[in-house]
Amino acid sequence: MKVSTHTKSILDLDPSRPRDGRSSPIPSATTGTTEPRFEELWPVDYLETFMQRADPLADRIIEALYAEGRADAEKTGDPSNRPRRALQFLNVLINQMAIPDPEVEHPFPSNPDYTLNPESREALRVFLRESRKLPAWADPELIAQAQKLFSDNPIVAYVLLGCISIPVLYTCGRGGIQVLTLTDQLVDKVRRRLIETSMMVLSVMRNGSFTTNSKDSSLTDPLPAGIEAILRVRLLHATTRTVIHEFWKDGVKDRANDTPGEPSKVRKYHGVDADTMWREEWGIPIHQQYLAGTLMTFSYISLYGLTLLGVETSDAEKKAYMHFWNVFGYILGIDESLLLTLDFPRTKRAVYENGKPIHVATGVEMYEAGRVLYTRMMDLNRSQDAEAIQAGRMLTKGMCDYLASVLKRRLKLGRVMNFTYIPHILMTMLLSKDDLDLLGVKTTVVERMFIPLILALFWIRGLFSKALGKPANLIANLLTKVLQKEYLEVYEEIRKQPGVRYPGIPMEFQEKWGLVKTVKN
C-alpha cells in the first residue's frame, strides 16, 4: 500500500492556527490531562529563546574550518571553496563513520594532502576532552536499568524508531524539515538514515557504553563506544548547522552585491539559491529547542509507544529510561538547564546527598515533564506551509516504502504474501490522527476495522511478555533479523571506502534477540 503524498487536503489543516503554544495542545501523541505544574515547567517564551542557541563547543571547530574556506575563496576568487573545508570534515563523519583524529597529521582518508588548521585542531581536542564527561547527576544504576529495558524490548530498536520516533519529526516545518531537505534526505537516504540512527541507539544501549573505552575506536585517545557514537552525531549537527547557516549568510551578501544585468553571484545549495535556503524566523539550524524536542522522541515517545503495543513499564523503568536519555542529551550538547528540568522536575536543579545525586521525582513525573516538552516543541514547530507539509509527506512515504520493501525482499514469504502493509499499519496504530493527516498517511475502512484487533493482540502479547520473555517479542525479533541483513548490505557498500569501520550489532543484543545461535557448553 502506498502512502499518499497528494497535497489537496493541505487547506483543511487550518494554517491559521496559532503557533504560540498558548492555545490547547494539538491532538497528537501527547493528548491527555496534565497537571498545571508540568505545563508551568515549559513556558513558551522561555522555550522560544532556545531557537537562537546552538552548541558553541562543537560549532567552534566547524566555524574555524568555514572561515578557512572563506579565506581560500577570497584568494582564489572561487566561492565554491567557502564550505569545502567543512564538507571534508563532514565526509569523514558520514562516509568513514568516524571522528577526525586531532592527533593525526592528515585525518582525512579521501584527501590525504589536507590537514586541520591549528585553530580547528585545538578546538577539536578541547571538544573531545570536555564532551566525553558524564554529568555529575548521572546515575549508573538508572542507566543500567534503562539499558536492560531496551534489551528486553527490541521492538524499540526498529519498530518504534521507524514508525513513530522518526516520522513525528517530519511534522516539524519551522526549520526541521528544511534541514533534511537541504541535506538531501528526502527519499534516497531514508535507508541509511534509519540504519545509522538505529546503530547509534544500539551503541549507547550496550553495557558499559558510557564507561568502557571502545576497542574499535579510530581515535588516538579512545572513547567509550556510546560516547563516541553520540559525539559523532553532535559533530554532524554542528557541521550541518554551520554550513547551512554560513552558506545562507554568504548568499544574502552575494545577492546584495549583484549587479543588474549581470549574472548573479549567488551560489546554489542542492539546487536552491543560497539566499533563500533559510529564513531568519527559523532561528539557528538544529537549535536547542529542536534538539530537546527530538530527545523526547527517543525517551517519552518510546515509552508511549511501548504502552500502545502492550508493554507496560513500571514507575522505576520510566524513571530509568527518561534519565538515560537525559544523560544522552547532555553528551549530545543539549543545554543542561533543559535537562535538569526533565530529570529533576520538582527542583529544576540537581540534588545531592553525600555526593550522590538523589532523583526524588517519580518516573511518572519525569515522563509527564517530557510529555509536555514534546507537546510544546511539536506545537511550536508544526508545519504550516504547503512546501514543508509536502516535504514531510515525501519523507514519510520514503520511510514507509523502504520498510515495506525490506519485508518484501528479505522475507521468504514476501513474494507470495503482502507484508508491505505492516509498516503502514504500524504507523496508523502509533501516530495520532492529526499526525497522520499532516503526513498524508491514509487508512482504509478495512484497516480501521482491523487496527483495534491488532492493538488487542499487542496487549495480549504484553500480558505474556513478563512470563515468556523473548517469544513475546516475536514481531520485533522478526523485523530485527530482517534489518540485520540490511545492515550488512549497507555497511558492505560503505566499507569499500577507505577508513570505514563496521561496528555491527553488538553481540550481547544478537544473543539476547536470537540473531545468532549460541553454543551451550
Protein backbone atom coordinates (compact mmCIF):
# COMPACT_ATOMS: atom_id res chain seq x y z
CA MET A 1 0.00 0.00 0.00
CA LYS A 2 1.38 3.39 -0.95
CA VAL A 3 1.22 6.36 1.35
CA SER A 4 -0.47 9.29 -0.32
CA THR A 5 1.55 12.46 -0.76
CA HIS A 6 -1.22 14.35 -2.53
CA THR A 7 -1.47 17.93 -1.24
CA LYS A 8 -5.16 18.55 -1.88
CA SER A 9 -6.03 18.25 1.81
CA ILE A 10 -3.44 20.80 2.92
CA LEU A 11 -6.02 23.57 3.01
CA ASP A 12 -8.01 21.52 5.51
CA LEU A 13 -5.19 21.69 8.05
CA ASP A 14 -6.03 25.26 9.09
CA PRO A 15 -2.67 27.02 8.59
CA SER A 16 -4.05 30.00 10.50
CA ARG A 17 -3.96 28.01 13.75
CA PRO A 18 -1.88 29.97 16.30
CA ARG A 19 1.64 28.66 16.69
CA ASP A 20 2.44 30.29 20.01
CA GLY A 21 1.59 27.20 22.06
CA ARG A 22 -0.80 29.09 24.32
CA SER A 23 -3.87 27.52 22.73
CA SER A 24 -4.97 23.99 23.54
CA PRO A 25 -2.34 21.36 22.70
CA ILE A 26 -2.64 19.88 19.24
CA PRO A 27 -4.28 16.46 19.13
CA SER A 28 -1.16 14.29 18.96
CA ALA A 29 0.59 11.54 20.87
CA THR A 30 0.53 13.87 23.86
CA THR A 31 -3.24 14.10 24.26
CA GLY A 32 -4.34 13.72 27.86
CA THR A 33 -4.72 15.54 31.14
CA THR A 34 -1.56 17.09 32.52
CA GLU A 35 -1.21 18.75 35.89
CA PRO A 36 -0.70 22.53 35.62
CA ARG A 37 2.68 22.30 37.36
CA PHE A 38 4.08 20.32 34.44
CA GLU A 39 2.76 22.89 31.98
CA GLU A 40 4.48 25.59 34.05
CA LEU A 41 7.85 23.87 33.58
CA TRP A 42 7.94 24.86 29.92
CA PRO A 43 6.69 28.43 29.30
CA VAL A 44 6.54 29.17 25.58
CA ASP A 45 8.51 32.41 25.87
CA TYR A 46 11.27 30.51 27.67
CA LEU A 47 11.45 27.75 25.06
CA GLU A 48 11.49 30.21 22.17
CA THR A 49 14.78 31.71 23.41
CA PHE A 50 16.46 28.39 22.66
CA MET A 51 15.88 28.87 18.92
CA GLN A 52 18.93 31.14 18.91
CA ARG A 53 21.12 28.79 20.93
CA ALA A 54 23.29 26.13 19.36
CA ASP A 55 26.39 24.26 20.54
CA PRO A 56 29.41 26.60 20.95
CA LEU A 57 31.86 23.84 21.91
CA ALA A 58 31.23 21.85 18.71
CA ASP A 59 30.42 24.81 16.46
CA ARG A 60 33.81 26.41 17.19
CA ILE A 61 35.53 23.61 15.24
CA ILE A 62 33.42 23.97 12.12
CA GLU A 63 33.31 27.77 12.21
CA ALA A 64 37.12 27.80 12.05
CA LEU A 65 37.01 25.42 9.06
CA TYR A 66 34.43 27.55 7.29
CA ALA A 67 36.47 30.70 7.96
CA GLU A 68 39.44 28.97 6.36
CA GLY A 69 37.29 28.14 3.35
CA ARG A 70 36.16 31.75 3.07
CA ALA A 71 39.81 32.87 3.07
CA ASP A 72 40.56 30.33 0.33
CA ALA A 73 37.64 31.68 -1.69
CA GLU A 74 38.95 35.25 -1.37
CA LYS A 75 42.45 34.21 -2.52
CA THR A 76 41.29 32.14 -5.47
CA GLY A 77 38.20 34.10 -6.43
CA ASP A 78 36.27 30.82 -6.34
CA PRO A 79 33.29 30.96 -3.94
CA SER A 80 32.92 27.16 -4.09
CA ASN A 81 35.87 26.99 -1.69
CA ARG A 82 33.85 28.52 1.14
CA PRO A 83 32.29 25.31 2.53
CA ARG A 84 34.94 22.92 1.18
CA ARG A 85 36.97 22.52 4.38
CA ALA A 86 33.85 21.93 6.49
CA LEU A 87 32.48 19.46 3.94
CA GLN A 88 35.74 17.48 4.05
CA PHE A 89 35.24 17.18 7.80
CA LEU A 90 31.64 16.11 7.20
CA ASN A 91 32.78 13.46 4.73
CA VAL A 92 34.76 11.68 7.46
CA LEU A 93 31.82 11.81 9.87
CA ILE A 94 29.42 10.33 7.31
CA ASN A 95 31.40 8.15 4.94
CA GLN A 96 34.10 6.93 7.33
CA MET A 97 31.64 6.86 10.25
CA ALA A 98 34.43 8.23 12.40
CA ILE A 99 35.53 11.40 14.17
CA PRO A 100 38.61 13.01 12.58
CA ASP A 101 41.55 12.40 14.91
CA PRO A 102 43.15 15.70 16.02
CA GLU A 103 46.38 13.84 16.84
CA VAL A 104 46.84 12.64 13.24
CA GLU A 105 48.56 14.98 10.79
CA HIS A 106 46.30 14.01 7.87
CA PRO A 107 42.99 12.75 9.30
CA PHE A 108 41.06 12.74 6.01
CA PRO A 109 41.41 9.45 4.07
CA SER A 110 39.69 10.87 0.99
CA ASN A 111 42.12 13.81 0.90
CA PRO A 112 45.50 12.75 2.37
CA ASP A 113 47.12 16.08 1.46
CA TYR A 114 44.76 18.12 3.65
CA THR A 115 45.32 18.76 7.34
CA LEU A 116 43.34 20.58 10.01
CA ASN A 117 44.23 24.20 10.63
CA PRO A 118 45.69 24.85 14.12
CA GLU A 119 42.53 26.56 15.41
CA SER A 120 40.22 23.72 14.35
CA ARG A 121 42.65 21.07 15.62
CA GLU A 122 42.84 22.63 19.08
CA ALA A 123 39.08 23.21 19.18
CA LEU A 124 38.56 19.52 18.33
CA ARG A 125 40.97 18.46 21.09
CA VAL A 126 39.07 20.58 23.62
CA PHE A 127 35.75 19.23 22.36
CA LEU A 128 36.78 15.58 22.73
CA ARG A 129 38.29 16.20 26.15
CA GLU A 130 35.33 18.07 27.58
CA SER A 131 32.44 16.30 25.86
CA ARG A 132 33.37 12.81 27.00
CA LYS A 133 32.46 13.70 30.59
CA LEU A 134 29.17 12.50 32.06
CA PRO A 135 27.10 14.99 34.05
CA ALA A 136 27.62 14.98 37.81
CA TRP A 137 23.97 13.96 38.23
CA ALA A 138 24.30 10.79 36.11
CA ASP A 139 23.18 7.66 37.99
CA PRO A 140 24.91 4.41 36.85
CA GLU A 141 22.15 2.24 38.34
CA LEU A 142 19.40 4.06 36.44
CA ILE A 143 21.47 3.90 33.23
CA ALA A 144 21.91 0.13 33.59
CA GLN A 145 18.19 -0.32 34.28
CA ALA A 146 17.28 1.65 31.15
CA GLN A 147 19.65 -0.45 29.06
CA LYS A 148 18.00 -3.59 30.38
CA LEU A 149 14.54 -2.27 29.45
CA PHE A 150 15.80 -1.68 25.91
CA SER A 151 17.45 -5.10 25.72
CA ASP A 152 14.25 -6.78 26.91
CA ASN A 153 12.19 -4.96 24.25
CA PRO A 154 13.89 -4.97 20.83
CA ILE A 155 10.69 -3.51 19.44
CA VAL A 156 12.15 -0.14 20.48
CA ALA A 157 15.17 -0.57 18.22
CA TYR A 158 13.41 -0.57 14.87
CA VAL A 159 9.62 -0.71 15.06
CA LEU A 160 9.15 2.37 17.23
CA LEU A 161 12.12 4.16 15.70
CA GLY A 162 10.90 3.80 12.12
CA CYS A 163 7.15 4.02 12.72
CA ILE A 164 6.83 6.85 15.27
CA SER A 165 10.06 8.37 16.66
CA ILE A 166 11.41 9.49 13.27
CA PRO A 167 8.07 10.20 11.49
CA VAL A 168 6.81 12.63 14.17
CA LEU A 169 9.80 14.85 13.35
CA TYR A 170 8.56 15.03 9.76
CA THR A 171 5.75 17.27 11.01
CA CYS A 172 8.24 19.98 12.06
CA GLY A 173 8.31 22.57 9.29
CA ARG A 174 9.91 25.51 11.08
CA GLY A 175 13.47 24.64 10.05
CA GLY A 176 13.45 20.92 10.88
CA ILE A 177 12.13 19.60 7.56
CA GLN A 178 14.24 22.16 5.72
CA VAL A 179 17.47 20.79 7.19
CA LEU A 180 16.56 17.30 5.97
CA THR A 181 15.71 18.70 2.55
CA LEU A 182 18.97 20.62 2.28
CA THR A 183 20.98 17.57 3.31
CA ASP A 184 19.28 15.52 0.58
CA GLN A 185 17.49 13.11 2.91
CA LEU A 186 14.01 13.22 1.41
CA VAL A 187 13.88 9.80 -0.20
CA ASP A 188 17.19 8.34 -1.35
CA LYS A 189 18.88 8.48 2.07
CA VAL A 190 16.00 7.17 4.16
CA ARG A 191 17.51 3.68 4.23
CA ARG A 192 20.85 4.82 5.54
CA ARG A 193 19.38 7.33 7.97
CA LEU A 194 17.23 4.70 9.68
CA ILE A 195 20.10 2.23 9.89
CA GLU A 196 22.62 4.78 11.17
CA THR A 197 20.17 6.11 13.77
CA SER A 198 19.41 2.59 15.00
CA MET A 199 23.16 1.85 15.01
CA MET A 200 23.71 4.83 17.28
CA VAL A 201 20.92 3.67 19.61
CA LEU A 202 22.43 0.17 19.77
CA SER A 203 25.84 1.65 20.57
CA VAL A 204 24.58 3.61 23.55
CA MET A 205 22.32 0.85 24.86
CA ARG A 206 25.03 -1.78 25.26
CA ASN A 207 26.55 -2.46 28.68
CA GLY A 208 29.37 -0.10 29.61
CA SER A 209 28.65 2.20 26.66
CA PHE A 210 29.42 5.32 28.70
CA THR A 211 32.30 3.99 30.78
CA THR A 212 34.36 1.36 28.91
CA ASN A 213 36.70 2.58 26.18
CA SER A 214 35.99 1.10 22.77
CA LYS A 215 38.49 -1.39 21.33
CA ASP A 216 37.39 -0.38 17.83
CA SER A 217 37.85 3.38 18.16
CA SER A 218 39.91 5.04 15.43
CA LEU A 219 40.94 7.84 17.78
CA THR A 220 44.42 8.02 19.30
CA ASP A 221 42.75 8.68 22.64
CA PRO A 222 39.81 6.19 22.51
CA LEU A 223 36.37 7.00 23.87
CA PRO A 224 33.67 4.69 25.21
CA ALA A 225 31.71 3.36 22.22
CA GLY A 226 28.45 5.02 23.24
CA ILE A 227 30.04 8.40 23.86
CA GLU A 228 31.93 8.30 20.55
CA ALA A 229 28.70 7.45 18.70
CA ILE A 230 26.91 10.41 20.32
CA LEU A 231 29.78 12.84 19.70
CA ARG A 232 29.92 11.86 16.04
CA VAL A 233 26.24 12.81 15.76
CA ARG A 234 26.91 16.01 17.70
CA LEU A 235 29.64 16.96 15.22
CA LEU A 236 27.31 16.06 12.34
CA HIS A 237 24.80 18.52 13.78
CA ALA A 238 27.47 21.21 14.18
CA THR A 239 28.78 20.77 10.64
CA THR A 240 25.31 20.77 9.10
CA ARG A 241 24.27 23.75 11.19
CA THR A 242 27.34 25.82 10.33
CA VAL A 243 27.42 25.01 6.62
CA ILE A 244 23.72 25.79 6.13
CA HIS A 245 23.77 28.97 8.20
CA GLU A 246 27.03 30.36 6.81
CA PHE A 247 26.18 29.41 3.21
CA TRP A 248 22.87 31.21 3.65
CA LYS A 249 24.53 34.34 5.07
CA ASP A 250 27.04 34.32 2.20
CA GLY A 251 24.13 34.07 -0.21
CA VAL A 252 22.42 37.10 1.30
CA LYS A 253 25.65 39.12 0.95
CA ASP A 254 26.18 37.91 -2.61
CA ARG A 255 22.63 38.91 -3.55
CA ALA A 256 23.19 42.38 -2.16
CA ASN A 257 26.30 42.72 -4.32
CA ASP A 258 24.64 41.56 -7.54
CA THR A 259 24.85 43.98 -10.45
CA PRO A 260 21.68 44.41 -12.54
CA GLY A 261 22.05 42.90 -16.00
CA GLU A 262 24.97 40.69 -14.98
CA PRO A 263 24.98 37.01 -13.88
CA SER A 264 24.12 36.59 -10.21
CA LYS A 265 26.94 35.82 -7.78
CA VAL A 266 24.56 33.81 -5.58
CA ARG A 267 25.53 30.16 -5.41
CA LYS A 268 23.11 27.24 -5.13
CA TYR A 269 22.97 24.63 -2.37
CA HIS A 270 21.35 21.39 -3.54
CA GLY A 271 19.62 23.32 -6.29
CA VAL A 272 18.35 26.12 -4.01
CA ASP A 273 19.58 29.72 -4.18
CA ALA A 274 21.70 30.28 -1.09
CA ASP A 275 19.89 33.45 -0.03
CA THR A 276 16.52 31.62 0.04
CA MET A 277 17.62 28.34 1.64
CA TRP A 278 16.99 29.56 5.19
CA ARG A 279 14.81 32.07 7.00
CA GLU A 280 15.68 34.21 9.97
CA GLU A 281 12.43 33.27 11.76
CA TRP A 282 13.57 29.63 11.85
CA GLY A 283 16.35 30.52 14.26
CA ILE A 284 19.66 28.68 14.02
CA PRO A 285 19.59 25.32 12.21
CA ILE A 286 19.26 22.38 14.64
CA HIS A 287 18.81 24.75 17.56
CA GLN A 288 18.50 23.80 21.22
CA GLN A 289 14.71 23.81 21.28
CA TYR A 290 14.56 21.38 18.36
CA LEU A 291 17.25 19.15 19.90
CA ALA A 292 15.36 18.97 23.21
CA GLY A 293 12.14 18.07 21.45
CA THR A 294 13.93 15.46 19.34
CA LEU A 295 15.36 13.93 22.51
CA MET A 296 11.77 13.34 23.67
CA THR A 297 11.11 11.19 20.59
CA PHE A 298 13.68 8.75 21.96
CA SER A 299 12.64 8.87 25.61
CA TYR A 300 9.00 9.88 26.12
CA ILE A 301 7.74 8.66 22.73
CA SER A 302 9.45 5.27 23.12
CA LEU A 303 7.74 4.72 26.48
CA TYR A 304 4.45 5.92 25.00
CA GLY A 305 4.86 3.54 22.04
CA LEU A 306 5.63 0.61 24.30
CA THR A 307 2.42 1.26 26.20
CA LEU A 308 0.42 1.34 22.94
CA LEU A 309 1.92 -2.00 21.95
CA GLY A 310 1.03 -3.65 25.24
CA VAL A 311 4.34 -3.34 27.08
CA GLU A 312 3.54 -1.83 30.46
CA THR A 313 6.52 -0.17 32.13
CA SER A 314 6.83 0.29 35.88
CA ASP A 315 7.43 3.65 37.51
CA ALA A 316 11.06 2.65 38.13
CA GLU A 317 11.51 1.75 34.46
CA LYS A 318 10.02 5.06 33.31
CA LYS A 319 12.35 6.91 35.65
CA ALA A 320 15.41 4.97 34.45
CA TYR A 321 14.58 5.38 30.76
CA MET A 322 13.91 9.11 30.99
CA HIS A 323 17.11 9.57 33.00
CA PHE A 324 19.19 7.60 30.49
CA TRP A 325 18.15 9.82 27.61
CA ASN A 326 18.70 12.95 29.67
CA VAL A 327 22.31 11.83 30.19
CA PHE A 328 22.46 11.10 26.46
CA GLY A 329 21.22 14.65 25.81
CA TYR A 330 23.98 16.08 27.99
CA ILE A 331 26.64 14.31 25.91
CA LEU A 332 24.83 15.46 22.75
CA GLY A 333 25.28 19.08 23.86
CA ILE A 334 21.72 19.95 24.88
CA ASP A 335 21.55 22.85 27.32
CA GLU A 336 21.88 21.46 30.84
CA SER A 337 19.11 23.69 32.24
CA LEU A 338 16.59 21.91 29.97
CA LEU A 339 17.87 18.50 31.06
CA LEU A 340 17.80 19.36 34.75
CA THR A 341 14.16 20.40 34.40
CA LEU A 342 13.46 16.98 32.86
CA ASP A 343 15.48 15.00 35.38
CA PHE A 344 14.55 16.99 38.48
CA PRO A 345 11.06 18.37 37.69
CA ARG A 346 10.42 19.16 41.36
CA THR A 347 13.52 21.34 41.83
CA LYS A 348 14.81 22.15 38.30
CA ARG A 349 18.29 21.57 39.68
CA ALA A 350 20.37 18.58 40.70
CA VAL A 351 20.02 17.41 44.29
CA TYR A 352 22.84 15.55 46.01
CA GLU A 353 23.26 13.62 49.25
CA ASN A 354 26.76 12.60 50.34
CA GLY A 355 27.98 13.46 46.85
CA LYS A 356 25.45 11.18 45.12
CA PRO A 357 22.58 12.57 43.02
CA ILE A 358 19.18 11.94 44.55
CA HIS A 359 16.44 11.63 41.94
CA VAL A 360 13.42 12.26 44.11
CA ALA A 361 10.98 12.60 41.19
CA THR A 362 8.88 9.58 40.27
CA GLY A 363 9.02 8.01 36.85
CA VAL A 364 5.55 9.36 36.07
CA GLU A 365 6.66 12.88 36.97
CA MET A 366 9.68 12.66 34.67
CA TYR A 367 7.51 11.14 31.93
CA GLU A 368 4.93 13.92 32.26
CA ALA A 369 7.64 16.61 32.16
CA GLY A 370 8.91 15.05 28.94
CA ARG A 371 5.43 14.78 27.51
CA VAL A 372 4.75 18.48 27.97
CA LEU A 373 8.13 19.46 26.49
CA TYR A 374 7.42 17.25 23.48
CA THR A 375 3.94 18.79 23.08
CA ARG A 376 5.30 22.32 23.25
CA MET A 377 8.09 21.65 20.76
CA MET A 378 5.81 19.88 18.29
CA ASP A 379 3.23 22.64 18.52
CA LEU A 380 5.76 25.44 18.08
CA ASN A 381 7.46 23.80 15.11
CA ARG A 382 4.50 22.22 13.32
CA SER A 383 4.48 22.52 9.52
CA GLN A 384 2.15 25.25 8.27
CA ASP A 385 3.02 25.91 4.63
CA ALA A 386 2.39 23.60 1.68
CA GLU A 387 6.08 23.16 0.85
CA ALA A 388 7.00 21.93 4.34
CA ILE A 389 3.94 19.68 4.52
CA GLN A 390 4.76 18.14 1.15
CA ALA A 391 8.37 17.52 2.23
CA GLY A 392 7.15 15.80 5.39
CA ARG A 393 4.85 13.61 3.33
CA MET A 394 7.68 12.64 1.00
CA LEU A 395 9.86 11.69 3.98
CA THR A 396 7.06 9.61 5.50
CA LYS A 397 6.35 7.88 2.20
CA GLY A 398 10.05 7.17 1.81
CA MET A 399 10.24 5.59 5.25
CA CYS A 400 7.08 3.54 4.79
CA ASP A 401 8.05 2.36 1.30
CA TYR A 402 11.55 1.44 2.46
CA LEU A 403 10.34 -0.68 5.39
CA ALA A 404 7.79 -2.34 3.14
CA SER A 405 10.43 -3.14 0.52
CA VAL A 406 12.70 -4.66 3.17
CA LEU A 407 9.97 -7.06 4.26
CA LYS A 408 9.17 -7.96 0.68
CA ARG A 409 12.79 -8.55 -0.29
CA ARG A 410 14.09 -10.18 2.85
CA LEU A 411 11.30 -12.47 4.00
CA LYS A 412 10.98 -15.81 2.23
CA LEU A 413 7.21 -15.45 2.08
CA GLY A 414 7.49 -11.87 0.87
CA ARG A 415 6.92 -12.86 -2.74
CA VAL A 416 3.65 -14.61 -2.08
CA MET A 417 2.29 -12.70 0.92
CA ASN A 418 1.82 -8.94 1.02
CA PHE A 419 3.91 -7.88 4.00
CA THR A 420 4.09 -4.34 2.69
CA TYR A 421 1.01 -3.46 4.75
CA ILE A 422 2.84 -3.98 8.06
CA PRO A 423 4.80 -0.66 8.29
CA HIS A 424 1.74 1.30 7.14
CA ILE A 425 -0.50 -0.36 9.72
CA LEU A 426 2.09 0.15 12.48
CA MET A 427 2.27 3.86 11.65
CA THR A 428 -1.50 4.20 11.72
CA MET A 429 -1.56 2.49 15.13
CA LEU A 430 1.23 4.58 16.63
CA LEU A 431 0.80 8.05 15.13
CA SER A 432 -2.09 10.30 16.13
CA LYS A 433 -4.87 11.16 13.69
CA ASP A 434 -3.57 14.71 13.49
CA ASP A 435 -0.08 13.50 12.62
CA LEU A 436 -1.45 11.01 10.09
CA ASP A 437 -3.43 13.75 8.36
CA LEU A 438 -0.45 16.10 8.26
CA LEU A 439 1.86 13.38 6.92
CA GLY A 440 -0.67 12.20 4.34
CA VAL A 441 -0.98 8.66 5.71
CA LYS A 442 -4.41 7.40 4.68
CA THR A 443 -6.27 4.46 6.17
CA THR A 444 -8.97 2.34 4.57
CA VAL A 445 -12.24 1.25 6.18
CA VAL A 446 -10.88 -2.29 6.46
CA GLU A 447 -7.74 -1.07 8.24
CA ARG A 448 -9.76 0.99 10.66
CA MET A 449 -11.73 -2.15 11.48
CA PHE A 450 -8.66 -4.31 11.99
CA ILE A 451 -6.42 -1.88 13.87
CA PRO A 452 -8.31 -2.28 17.20
CA LEU A 453 -7.97 -6.05 16.79
CA ILE A 454 -4.24 -5.76 16.13
CA LEU A 455 -3.81 -3.48 19.14
CA ALA A 456 -5.68 -6.05 21.25
CA LEU A 457 -3.24 -8.71 20.08
CA PHE A 458 -0.34 -6.49 21.10
CA TRP A 459 -1.93 -6.06 24.52
CA ILE A 460 -2.23 -9.84 24.82
CA ARG A 461 1.42 -10.06 23.80
CA GLY A 462 2.19 -7.60 26.57
CA LEU A 463 0.40 -9.75 29.14
CA PHE A 464 2.60 -12.70 28.24
CA SER A 465 5.83 -10.72 27.86
CA LYS A 466 6.84 -10.95 31.51
CA ALA A 467 6.32 -14.69 31.60
CA LEU A 468 7.58 -15.68 28.17
CA GLY A 469 10.32 -13.15 27.59
CA LYS A 470 11.81 -13.45 24.11
CA PRO A 471 8.86 -15.26 22.44
CA ALA A 472 6.65 -12.34 23.37
CA ASN A 473 8.82 -10.12 21.17
CA LEU A 474 8.24 -12.29 18.10
CA ILE A 475 7.38 -9.40 15.76
CA ALA A 476 10.29 -7.27 16.95
CA ASN A 477 12.72 -10.17 16.62
CA LEU A 478 11.46 -10.89 13.11
CA LEU A 479 11.99 -7.31 11.97
CA THR A 480 15.38 -7.19 13.71
CA LYS A 481 16.58 -10.26 11.83
CA VAL A 482 15.32 -8.81 8.57
CA LEU A 483 17.01 -5.46 9.14
CA GLN A 484 20.25 -7.11 10.23
CA LYS A 485 20.65 -8.25 6.60
CA GLU A 486 20.11 -4.64 5.54
CA TYR A 487 22.84 -3.55 7.97
CA LEU A 488 25.31 -5.94 6.43
CA GLU A 489 24.49 -4.81 2.90
CA VAL A 490 24.63 -1.09 3.66
CA TYR A 491 27.91 -1.30 5.53
CA GLU A 492 29.42 -3.54 2.86
CA GLU A 493 28.80 -0.68 0.45
CA ILE A 494 30.25 1.90 2.83
CA ARG A 495 33.25 -0.28 3.71
CA LYS A 496 34.54 -0.02 0.14
CA GLN A 497 35.69 3.48 1.05
CA PRO A 498 38.99 3.84 2.96
CA GLY A 499 38.88 4.09 6.73
CA VAL A 500 35.33 2.89 7.31
CA ARG A 501 34.69 0.75 10.38
CA TYR A 502 31.66 -1.54 10.57
CA PRO A 503 30.69 -1.78 14.24
CA GLY A 504 27.83 -4.20 13.63
CA ILE A 505 25.04 -5.12 16.04
CA PRO A 506 26.65 -5.71 19.47
CA MET A 507 26.94 -9.41 20.25
CA GLU A 508 25.05 -9.01 23.52
CA PHE A 509 21.96 -8.00 21.51
CA GLN A 510 22.48 -10.63 18.84
CA GLU A 511 22.48 -13.33 21.51
CA LYS A 512 19.63 -11.83 23.52
CA TRP A 513 17.42 -11.37 20.46
CA GLY A 514 18.22 -14.73 18.90
CA LEU A 515 20.09 -13.31 15.90
CA VAL A 516 22.88 -15.86 16.34
CA LYS A 517 22.88 -19.40 17.61
CA THR A 518 24.57 -19.72 20.98
CA VAL A 519 26.65 -22.78 21.68
CA LYS A 520 25.89 -24.42 25.01
CA ASN A 521 28.78 -25.92 26.95
